[in-house]
């Protein structure tokens, strides 16, 4: 079994409150979850209104599928016009790793 994850640091557009931030982040999280059938959550910068950390994880039987899904999610987030992708960090482990 392979477990992969990617963490995004994004800058939101003209946002002046945490309420406005939710209007950007919730639809993005829902779109990622619905499009790719992955686990996704806002995971960092919870108290900042213009920044968001979004984490995505996927589990699959082979590493190639994990890499394909993470690549697709990365591309999906990078193409969103309402946010600026500042960074994306990913990792992957096998259940056989010690």
PDB file of N, CA and C in Angstrom:
ATOM      1  N   UNK A   1       0.850  -1.173   0.000  1.00  0.00           N
ATOM      2  CA  UNK A   1       0.000   0.000   0.000  1.00  0.00           C
ATOM      3  C   UNK A   1       0.896   1.236   0.000  1.00  0.00           C
ATOM      4  N   UNK A   2       0.500   2.220  -0.772  1.00  0.00           N
ATOM      5  CA  UNK A   2       1.227   3.488  -0.875  1.00  0.00           C
ATOM      6  C   UNK A   2       0.353   4.626  -0.382  1.00  0.00           C
ATOM      7  N   UNK A   3       0.951   5.510   0.390  1.00  0.00           N
ATOM      8  CA  UNK A   3       0.266   6.684   0.917  1.00  0.00           C
ATOM      9  C   UNK A   3       1.017   7.914   0.422  1.00  0.00           C
ATOM     10  N   UNK A   4       0.293   8.819  -0.232  1.00  0.00           N
ATOM     11  CA  UNK A   4       0.911  10.036  -0.732  1.00  0.00           C
ATOM     12  C   UNK A   4       0.150  11.245  -0.252  1.00  0.00           C
ATOM     13  N   UNK A   5       0.869  12.347  -0.129  1.00  0.00           N
ATOM     14  CA  UNK A   5       0.225  13.586   0.294  1.00  0.00           C
ATOM     15  C   UNK A   5       0.886  14.768  -0.384  1.00  0.00           C
ATOM     16  N   UNK A   6       0.131  15.832  -0.451  1.00  0.00           N
ATOM     17  CA  UNK A   6       0.649  17.096  -0.969  1.00  0.00           C
ATOM     18  C   UNK A   6       0.056  18.209  -0.115  1.00  0.00           C
ATOM     19  N   UNK A   7       0.901  19.175   0.223  1.00  0.00           N
ATOM     20  CA  UNK A   7       0.478  20.319   1.025  1.00  0.00           C
ATOM     21  C   UNK A   7       0.666  21.581   0.194  1.00  0.00           C
ATOM     22  N   UNK A   8      -0.392  22.351   0.103  1.00  0.00           N
ATOM     23  CA  UNK A   8      -0.367  23.594  -0.658  1.00  0.00           C
ATOM     24  C   UNK A   8      -0.369  24.782   0.288  1.00  0.00           C
ATOM     25  N   UNK A   9       0.422  25.784  -0.037  1.00  0.00           N
ATOM     26  CA  UNK A   9       0.368  27.078   0.623  1.00  0.00           C
ATOM     27  C   UNK A   9      -0.148  28.043  -0.432  1.00  0.00           C
ATOM     28  N   UNK A  10      -1.329  28.589  -0.207  1.00  0.00           N
ATOM     29  CA  UNK A  10      -1.946  29.449  -1.214  1.00  0.00           C
ATOM     30  C   UNK A  10      -2.219  30.836  -0.646  1.00  0.00           C
ATOM     31  N   UNK A  11      -2.159  31.803  -1.543  1.00  0.00           N
ATOM     32  CA  UNK A  11      -2.491  33.183  -1.222  1.00  0.00           C
ATOM     33  C   UNK A  11      -3.823  33.488  -1.890  1.00  0.00           C
ATOM     34  N   UNK A  12      -4.753  33.988  -1.096  1.00  0.00           N
ATOM     35  CA  UNK A  12      -6.086  34.287  -1.604  1.00  0.00           C
ATOM     36  C   UNK A  12      -6.122  35.712  -2.128  1.00  0.00           C
ATOM     37  N   UNK A  13      -7.085  35.988  -2.966  1.00  0.00           N
ATOM     38  CA  UNK A  13      -7.211  37.298  -3.595  1.00  0.00           C
ATOM     39  C   UNK A  13      -7.591  38.389  -2.621  1.00  0.00           C
ATOM     40  N   UNK A  14      -8.550  39.181  -2.982  1.00  0.00           N
ATOM     41  CA  UNK A  14      -8.986  40.341  -2.216  1.00  0.00           C
ATOM     42  C   UNK A  14      -9.874  39.888  -1.058  1.00  0.00           C
ATOM     43  N   UNK A  15      -9.258  39.370  -0.011  1.00  0.00           N
ATOM     44  CA  UNK A  15      -9.971  38.815   1.140  1.00  0.00           C
ATOM     45  C   UNK A  15      -9.631  39.651   2.368  1.00  0.00           C
ATOM     46  N   UNK A  16     -10.661  40.059   3.118  1.00  0.00           N
ATOM     47  CA  UNK A  16     -10.446  40.934   4.262  1.00  0.00           C
ATOM     48  C   UNK A  16     -10.955  40.364   5.577  1.00  0.00           C
ATOM     49  N   UNK A  17     -11.478  39.128   5.546  1.00  0.00           N
ATOM     50  CA  UNK A  17     -11.971  38.526   6.784  1.00  0.00           C
ATOM     51  C   UNK A  17     -11.907  37.005   6.663  1.00  0.00           C
ATOM     52  N   UNK A  18     -12.024  36.347   7.809  1.00  0.00           N
ATOM     53  CA  UNK A  18     -12.037  34.887   7.795  1.00  0.00           C
ATOM     54  C   UNK A  18     -13.305  34.355   7.121  1.00  0.00           C
ATOM     55  N   UNK A  19     -14.384  35.123   7.208  1.00  0.00           N
ATOM     56  CA  UNK A  19     -15.619  34.724   6.533  1.00  0.00           C
ATOM     57  C   UNK A  19     -15.424  34.726   5.014  1.00  0.00           C
ATOM     58  N   UNK A  20     -14.783  35.739   4.490  1.00  0.00           N
ATOM     59  CA  UNK A  20     -14.496  35.781   3.050  1.00  0.00           C
ATOM     60  C   UNK A  20     -13.526  34.663   2.662  1.00  0.00           C
ATOM     61  N   UNK A  21     -12.574  34.367   3.550  1.00  0.00           N
ATOM     62  CA  UNK A  21     -11.631  33.281   3.285  1.00  0.00           C
ATOM     63  C   UNK A  21     -12.376  31.958   3.090  1.00  0.00           C
ATOM     64  N   UNK A  22     -13.343  31.688   3.961  1.00  0.00           N
ATOM     65  CA  UNK A  22     -14.123  30.447   3.844  1.00  0.00           C
ATOM     66  C   UNK A  22     -14.839  30.362   2.501  1.00  0.00           C
ATOM     67  N   UNK A  23     -15.232  31.499   1.949  1.00  0.00           N
ATOM     68  CA  UNK A  23     -15.914  31.513   0.650  1.00  0.00           C
ATOM     69  C   UNK A  23     -14.988  31.074  -0.482  1.00  0.00           C
ATOM     70  N   UNK A  24     -13.690  31.189  -0.292  1.00  0.00           N
ATOM     71  CA  UNK A  24     -12.711  30.710  -1.267  1.00  0.00           C
ATOM     72  C   UNK A  24     -12.301  29.259  -0.979  1.00  0.00           C
ATOM     73  N   UNK A  25     -12.019  28.978   0.291  1.00  0.00           N
ATOM     74  CA  UNK A  25     -11.409  27.698   0.653  1.00  0.00           C
ATOM     75  C   UNK A  25     -12.405  26.540   0.611  1.00  0.00           C
ATOM     76  N   UNK A  26     -13.598  26.723   1.136  1.00  0.00           N
ATOM     77  CA  UNK A  26     -14.567  25.620   1.162  1.00  0.00           C
ATOM     78  C   UNK A  26     -14.900  25.085  -0.232  1.00  0.00           C
ATOM     79  N   UNK A  27     -15.177  25.933  -1.215  1.00  0.00           N
ATOM     80  CA  UNK A  27     -15.441  25.393  -2.557  1.00  0.00           C
ATOM     81  C   UNK A  27     -14.225  24.693  -3.163  1.00  0.00           C
ATOM     82  N   UNK A  28     -13.031  25.210  -2.907  1.00  0.00           N
ATOM     83  CA  UNK A  28     -11.825  24.570  -3.422  1.00  0.00           C
ATOM     84  C   UNK A  28     -11.651  23.181  -2.808  1.00  0.00           C
ATOM     85  N   UNK A  29     -11.797  23.077  -1.504  1.00  0.00           N
ATOM     86  CA  UNK A  29     -11.685  21.780  -0.819  1.00  0.00           C
ATOM     87  C   UNK A  29     -12.745  20.803  -1.345  1.00  0.00           C
ATOM     88  N   UNK A  30     -13.963  21.271  -1.490  1.00  0.00           N
ATOM     89  CA  UNK A  30     -15.042  20.411  -1.993  1.00  0.00           C
ATOM     90  C   UNK A  30     -14.786  19.965  -3.432  1.00  0.00           C
ATOM     91  N   UNK A  31     -14.299  20.868  -4.273  1.00  0.00           N
ATOM     92  CA  UNK A  31     -13.999  20.512  -5.669  1.00  0.00           C
ATOM     93  C   UNK A  31     -12.895  19.473  -5.758  1.00  0.00           C
ATOM     94  N   UNK A  32     -11.850  19.622  -4.953  1.00  0.00           N
ATOM     95  CA  UNK A  32     -10.765  18.638  -4.949  1.00  0.00           C
ATOM     96  C   UNK A  32     -11.293  17.280  -4.504  1.00  0.00           C
ATOM     97  N   UNK A  33     -12.055  17.264  -3.414  1.00  0.00           N
ATOM     98  CA  UNK A  33     -12.595  16.005  -2.880  1.00  0.00           C
ATOM     99  C   UNK A  33     -13.498  15.323  -3.914  1.00  0.00           C
ATOM    100  N   UNK A  34     -14.367  16.076  -4.533  1.00  0.00           N
ATOM    101  CA  UNK A  34     -15.329  15.527  -5.491  1.00  0.00           C
ATOM    102  C   UNK A  34     -14.646  15.066  -6.785  1.00  0.00           C
ATOM    103  N   UNK A  35     -13.692  15.826  -7.268  1.00  0.00           N
ATOM    104  CA  UNK A  35     -13.048  15.529  -8.544  1.00  0.00           C
ATOM    105  C   UNK A  35     -12.102  14.338  -8.454  1.00  0.00           C
ATOM    106  N   UNK A  36     -11.381  14.205  -7.338  1.00  0.00           N
ATOM    107  CA  UNK A  36     -10.318  13.207  -7.258  1.00  0.00           C
ATOM    108  C   UNK A  36     -10.562  12.090  -6.251  1.00  0.00           C
ATOM    109  N   UNK A  37     -11.636  12.140  -5.493  1.00  0.00           N
ATOM    110  CA  UNK A  37     -11.925  11.139  -4.457  1.00  0.00           C
ATOM    111  C   UNK A  37     -10.736  10.941  -3.518  1.00  0.00           C
ATOM    112  N   UNK A  38     -10.275  12.036  -2.943  1.00  0.00           N
ATOM    113  CA  UNK A  38      -9.153  12.032  -2.015  1.00  0.00           C
ATOM    114  C   UNK A  38      -9.593  12.658  -0.699  1.00  0.00           C
ATOM    115  N   UNK A  39      -8.762  12.491   0.321  1.00  0.00           N
ATOM    116  CA  UNK A  39      -8.982  13.184   1.591  1.00  0.00           C
ATOM    117  C   UNK A  39      -8.331  14.556   1.479  1.00  0.00           C
ATOM    118  N   UNK A  40      -9.051  15.594   1.868  1.00  0.00           N
ATOM    119  CA  UNK A  40      -8.539  16.958   1.745  1.00  0.00           C
ATOM    120  C   UNK A  40      -9.105  17.816   2.873  1.00  0.00           C
ATOM    121  N   UNK A  41      -8.262  18.728   3.384  1.00  0.00           N
ATOM    122  CA  UNK A  41      -8.701  19.616   4.459  1.00  0.00           C
ATOM    123  C   UNK A  41      -7.836  20.865   4.490  1.00  0.00           C
ATOM    124  N   UNK A  42      -8.411  21.942   4.999  1.00  0.00           N
ATOM    125  CA  UNK A  42      -7.607  23.121   5.299  1.00  0.00           C
ATOM    126  C   UNK A  42      -6.793  22.764   6.532  1.00  0.00           C
ATOM    127  N   UNK A  43      -5.480  22.886   6.445  1.00  0.00           N
ATOM    128  CA  UNK A  43      -4.631  22.340   7.499  1.00  0.00           C
ATOM    129  C   UNK A  43      -3.636  23.332   8.106  1.00  0.00           C
ATOM    130  N   UNK A  44      -3.538  24.534   7.565  1.00  0.00           N
ATOM    131  CA  UNK A  44      -2.549  25.477   8.075  1.00  0.00           C
ATOM    132  C   UNK A  44      -3.039  26.907   7.828  1.00  0.00           C
ATOM    133  N   UNK A  45      -2.438  27.837   8.520  1.00  0.00           N
ATOM    134  CA  UNK A  45      -2.774  29.271   8.412  1.00  0.00           C
ATOM    135  C   UNK A  45      -4.256  29.519   8.678  1.00  0.00           C
ATOM    136  N   UNK A  46      -4.790  28.816   9.661  1.00  0.00           N
ATOM    137  CA  UNK A  46      -6.220  28.905   9.948  1.00  0.00           C
ATOM    138  C   UNK A  46      -6.651  30.288  10.438  1.00  0.00           C
ATOM    139  N   UNK A  47      -5.744  31.011  11.069  1.00  0.00           N
ATOM    140  CA  UNK A  47      -6.113  32.318  11.616  1.00  0.00           C
ATOM    141  C   UNK A  47      -5.704  33.494  10.725  1.00  0.00           C
ATOM    142  N   UNK A  48      -5.134  33.209   9.557  1.00  0.00           N
ATOM    143  CA  UNK A  48      -4.772  34.256   8.609  1.00  0.00           C
ATOM    144  C   UNK A  48      -5.835  34.346   7.526  1.00  0.00           C
ATOM    145  N   UNK A  49      -6.269  35.542   7.203  1.00  0.00           N
ATOM    146  CA  UNK A  49      -7.377  35.643   6.257  1.00  0.00           C
ATOM    147  C   UNK A  49      -6.954  35.621   4.793  1.00  0.00           C
ATOM    148  N   UNK A  50      -5.695  35.870   4.454  1.00  0.00           N
ATOM    149  CA  UNK A  50      -5.282  35.842   3.035  1.00  0.00           C
ATOM    150  C   UNK A  50      -4.465  34.613   2.672  1.00  0.00           C
ATOM    151  N   UNK A  51      -4.127  33.772   3.638  1.00  0.00           N
ATOM    152  CA  UNK A  51      -3.328  32.585   3.373  1.00  0.00           C
ATOM    153  C   UNK A  51      -4.114  31.357   3.795  1.00  0.00           C
ATOM    154  N   UNK A  52      -3.833  30.244   3.118  1.00  0.00           N
ATOM    155  CA  UNK A  52      -4.453  28.981   3.494  1.00  0.00           C
ATOM    156  C   UNK A  52      -3.478  27.844   3.216  1.00  0.00           C
ATOM    157  N   UNK A  53      -3.457  26.894   4.114  1.00  0.00           N
ATOM    158  CA  UNK A  53      -2.724  25.660   3.901  1.00  0.00           C
ATOM    159  C   UNK A  53      -3.738  24.565   3.652  1.00  0.00           C
ATOM    160  N   UNK A  54      -3.568  23.849   2.556  1.00  0.00           N
ATOM    161  CA  UNK A  54      -4.521  22.801   2.189  1.00  0.00           C
ATOM    162  C   UNK A  54      -3.745  21.503   2.015  1.00  0.00           C
ATOM    163  N   UNK A  55      -4.178  20.463   2.721  1.00  0.00           N
ATOM    164  CA  UNK A  55      -3.528  19.169   2.637  1.00  0.00           C
ATOM    165  C   UNK A  55      -4.406  18.161   1.928  1.00  0.00           C
ATOM    166  N   UNK A  56      -3.785  17.346   1.076  1.00  0.00           N
ATOM    167  CA  UNK A  56      -4.489  16.322   0.310  1.00  0.00           C
ATOM    168  C   UNK A  56      -3.740  15.009   0.490  1.00  0.00           C
ATOM    169  N   UNK A  57      -4.459  13.916   0.700  1.00  0.00           N
ATOM    170  CA  UNK A  57      -3.804  12.616   0.796  1.00  0.00           C
ATOM    171  C   UNK A  57      -4.560  11.582  -0.028  1.00  0.00           C
ATOM    172  N   UNK A  58      -3.798  10.581  -0.476  1.00  0.00           N
ATOM    173  CA  UNK A  58      -4.359   9.511  -1.295  1.00  0.00           C
ATOM    174  C   UNK A  58      -3.676   8.202  -0.911  1.00  0.00           C
ATOM    175  N   UNK A  59      -4.444   7.120  -0.950  1.00  0.00           N
ATOM    176  CA  UNK A  59      -3.928   5.780  -0.670  1.00  0.00           C
ATOM    177  C   UNK A  59      -4.252   4.909  -1.871  1.00  0.00           C
ATOM    178  N   UNK A  60      -3.253   4.133  -2.324  1.00  0.00           N
ATOM    179  CA  UNK A  60      -3.463   3.263  -3.486  1.00  0.00           C
ATOM    180  C   UNK A  60      -2.545   2.043  -3.384  1.00  0.00           C
ATOM    181  N   UNK A  61      -2.821   1.083  -4.223  1.00  0.00           N
ATOM    182  CA  UNK A  61      -2.051  -0.154  -4.222  1.00  0.00           C
ATOM    183  C   UNK A  61      -0.676   0.006  -4.866  1.00  0.00           C
ATOM    184  N   UNK A  62      -0.548   0.941  -5.804  1.00  0.00           N
ATOM    185  CA  UNK A  62       0.748   1.109  -6.461  1.00  0.00           C
ATOM    186  C   UNK A  62       1.158   2.580  -6.467  1.00  0.00           C
ATOM    187  N   UNK A  63       2.461   2.804  -6.479  1.00  0.00           N
ATOM    188  CA  UNK A  63       2.998   4.156  -6.371  1.00  0.00           C
ATOM    189  C   UNK A  63       2.678   5.001  -7.603  1.00  0.00           C
ATOM    190  N   UNK A  64       2.598   4.374  -8.767  1.00  0.00           N
ATOM    191  CA  UNK A  64       2.317   5.128  -9.993  1.00  0.00           C
ATOM    192  C   UNK A  64       0.958   5.822  -9.916  1.00  0.00           C
ATOM    193  N   UNK A  65      -0.030   5.147  -9.354  1.00  0.00           N
ATOM    194  CA  UNK A  65      -1.359   5.757  -9.230  1.00  0.00           C
ATOM    195  C   UNK A  65      -1.317   6.940  -8.258  1.00  0.00           C
ATOM    196  N   UNK A  66      -0.602   6.787  -7.155  1.00  0.00           N
ATOM    197  CA  UNK A  66      -0.477   7.878  -6.189  1.00  0.00           C
ATOM    198  C   UNK A  66       0.164   9.090  -6.860  1.00  0.00           C
ATOM    199  N   UNK A  67       1.237   8.875  -7.599  1.00  0.00           N
ATOM    200  CA  UNK A  67       1.930   9.968  -8.286  1.00  0.00           C
ATOM    201  C   UNK A  67       1.004  10.636  -9.300  1.00  0.00           C
ATOM    202  N   UNK A  68       0.247   9.842 -10.070  1.00  0.00           N
ATOM    203  CA  UNK A  68      -0.679  10.400 -11.061  1.00  0.00           C
ATOM    204  C   UNK A  68      -1.745  11.277 -10.408  1.00  0.00           C
ATOM    205  N   UNK A  69      -2.302  10.807  -9.306  1.00  0.00           N
ATOM    206  CA  UNK A  69      -3.344  11.573  -8.617  1.00  0.00           C
ATOM    207  C   UNK A  69      -2.764  12.864  -8.039  1.00  0.00           C
ATOM    208  N   UNK A  70      -1.611  12.779  -7.394  1.00  0.00           N
ATOM    209  CA  UNK A  70      -1.002  13.983  -6.821  1.00  0.00           C
ATOM    210  C   UNK A  70      -0.628  14.994  -7.904  1.00  0.00           C
ATOM    211  N   UNK A  71      -0.134  14.513  -9.039  1.00  0.00           N
ATOM    212  CA  UNK A  71       0.162  15.411 -10.160  1.00  0.00           C
ATOM    213  C   UNK A  71      -1.101  16.112 -10.648  1.00  0.00           C
ATOM    214  N   UNK A  72      -2.191  15.358 -10.758  1.00  0.00           N
ATOM    215  CA  UNK A  72      -3.449  15.926 -11.240  1.00  0.00           C
ATOM    216  C   UNK A  72      -4.004  16.955 -10.255  1.00  0.00           C
ATOM    217  N   UNK A  73      -3.922  16.670  -8.962  1.00  0.00           N
ATOM    218  CA  UNK A  73      -4.396  17.613  -7.950  1.00  0.00           C
ATOM    219  C   UNK A  73      -3.538  18.875  -7.975  1.00  0.00           C
ATOM    220  N   UNK A  74      -2.234  18.713  -8.092  1.00  0.00           N
ATOM    221  CA  UNK A  74      -1.318  19.853  -8.166  1.00  0.00           C
ATOM    222  C   UNK A  74      -1.677  20.754  -9.344  1.00  0.00           C
ATOM    223  N   UNK A  75      -1.902  20.162 -10.495  1.00  0.00           N
ATOM    224  CA  UNK A  75      -2.270  20.925 -11.684  1.00  0.00           C
ATOM    225  C   UNK A  75      -3.625  21.617 -11.500  1.00  0.00           C
ATOM    226  N   UNK A  76      -4.575  20.919 -10.900  1.00  0.00           N
ATOM    227  CA  UNK A  76      -5.913  21.455 -10.648  1.00  0.00           C
ATOM    228  C   UNK A  76      -5.848  22.707  -9.772  1.00  0.00           C
ATOM    229  N   UNK A  77      -5.069  22.642  -8.703  1.00  0.00           N
ATOM    230  CA  UNK A  77      -4.952  23.783  -7.784  1.00  0.00           C
ATOM    231  C   UNK A  77      -4.195  24.931  -8.455  1.00  0.00           C
ATOM    232  N   UNK A  78      -3.131  24.613  -9.179  1.00  0.00           N
ATOM    233  CA  UNK A  78      -2.328  25.649  -9.824  1.00  0.00           C
ATOM    234  C   UNK A  78      -3.121  26.430 -10.866  1.00  0.00           C
ATOM    235  N   UNK A  79      -4.127  25.808 -11.460  1.00  0.00           N
ATOM    236  CA  UNK A  79      -4.922  26.468 -12.510  1.00  0.00           C
ATOM    237  C   UNK A  79      -6.094  27.290 -11.979  1.00  0.00           C
ATOM    238  N   UNK A  80      -6.307  27.286 -10.671  1.00  0.00           N
ATOM    239  CA  UNK A  80      -7.423  28.047 -10.115  1.00  0.00           C
ATOM    240  C   UNK A  80      -7.106  29.538 -10.185  1.00  0.00           C
ATOM    241  N   UNK A  81      -7.933  30.329 -10.869  1.00  0.00           N
ATOM    242  CA  UNK A  81      -7.626  31.756 -11.038  1.00  0.00           C
ATOM    243  C   UNK A  81      -7.822  32.579  -9.765  1.00  0.00           C
ATOM    244  N   UNK A  82      -8.611  32.089  -8.819  1.00  0.00           N
ATOM    245  CA  UNK A  82      -8.922  32.896  -7.638  1.00  0.00           C
ATOM    246  C   UNK A  82      -7.845  32.811  -6.551  1.00  0.00           C
ATOM    247  N   UNK A  83      -6.852  31.946  -6.744  1.00  0.00           N
ATOM    248  CA  UNK A  83      -5.786  31.816  -5.756  1.00  0.00           C
ATOM    249  C   UNK A  83      -4.426  31.882  -6.438  1.00  0.00           C
ATOM    250  N   UNK A  84      -3.409  32.204  -5.639  1.00  0.00           N
ATOM    251  CA  UNK A  84      -2.028  32.150  -6.110  1.00  0.00           C
ATOM    252  C   UNK A  84      -1.333  31.039  -5.338  1.00  0.00           C
ATOM    253  N   UNK A  85      -0.830  30.053  -6.039  1.00  0.00           N
ATOM    254  CA  UNK A  85      -0.137  28.938  -5.410  1.00  0.00           C
ATOM    255  C   UNK A  85       1.281  29.378  -5.062  1.00  0.00           C
ATOM    256  N   UNK A  86       1.575  29.448  -3.755  1.00  0.00           N
ATOM    257  CA  UNK A  86       2.896  29.879  -3.307  1.00  0.00           C
ATOM    258  C   UNK A  86       3.879  28.713  -3.274  1.00  0.00           C
ATOM    259  N   UNK A  87       3.409  27.541  -2.812  1.00  0.00           N
ATOM    260  CA  UNK A  87       4.282  26.365  -2.773  1.00  0.00           C
ATOM    261  C   UNK A  87       3.437  25.100  -2.659  1.00  0.00           C
ATOM    262  N   UNK A  88       4.059  24.016  -3.060  1.00  0.00           N
ATOM    263  CA  UNK A  88       3.447  22.690  -2.925  1.00  0.00           C
ATOM    264  C   UNK A  88       4.549  21.711  -2.535  1.00  0.00           C
ATOM    265  N   UNK A  89       4.336  20.999  -1.443  1.00  0.00           N
ATOM    266  CA  UNK A  89       5.298  20.015  -0.967  1.00  0.00           C
ATOM    267  C   UNK A  89       4.593  18.670  -0.903  1.00  0.00           C
ATOM    268  N   UNK A  90       5.267  17.654  -1.397  1.00  0.00           N
ATOM    269  CA  UNK A  90       4.642  16.340  -1.395  1.00  0.00           C
ATOM    270  C   UNK A  90       5.552  15.292  -0.793  1.00  0.00           C
ATOM    271  N   UNK A  91       4.921  14.195  -0.419  1.00  0.00           N
ATOM    272  CA  UNK A  91       5.652  13.058   0.122  1.00  0.00           C
ATOM    273  C   UNK A  91       4.910  11.784  -0.193  1.00  0.00           C
ATOM    274  N   UNK A  92       5.614  10.668  -0.026  1.00  0.00           N
ATOM    275  CA  UNK A  92       5.004   9.377  -0.296  1.00  0.00           C
ATOM    276  C   UNK A  92       5.743   8.319   0.519  1.00  0.00           C
ATOM    277  N   UNK A  93       5.002   7.379   1.072  1.00  0.00           N
ATOM    278  CA  UNK A  93       5.588   6.272   1.814  1.00  0.00           C
ATOM    279  C   UNK A  93       4.850   4.996   1.449  1.00  0.00           C
ATOM    280  N   UNK A  94       5.553   3.909   1.662  1.00  0.00           N
ATOM    281  CA  UNK A  94       4.952   2.589   1.456  1.00  0.00           C
ATOM    282  C   UNK A  94       4.682   1.974   2.821  1.00  0.00           C
ATOM    283  N   UNK A  95       3.660   1.155   2.912  1.00  0.00           N
ATOM    284  CA  UNK A  95       3.381   0.476   4.174  1.00  0.00           C
ATOM    285  C   UNK A  95       4.490  -0.515   4.506  1.00  0.00           C
ATOM    286  N   UNK A  96       5.331  -0.853   3.543  1.00  0.00           N
ATOM    287  CA  UNK A  96       6.465  -1.752   3.782  1.00  0.00           C
ATOM    288  C   UNK A  96       7.667  -1.016   4.359  1.00  0.00           C
ATOM    289  N   UNK A  97       7.653   0.340   4.304  1.00  0.00           N
ATOM    290  CA  UNK A  97       8.761   1.109   4.868  1.00  0.00           C
ATOM    291  C   UNK A  97       8.813   0.908   6.381  1.00  0.00           C
ATOM    292  N   UNK A  98      10.005   0.903   6.888  1.00  0.00           N
ATOM    293  CA  UNK A  98      10.140   0.718   8.329  1.00  0.00           C
ATOM    294  C   UNK A  98      10.524   1.989   9.005  1.00  0.00           C
TER     295      UNK A  98
END
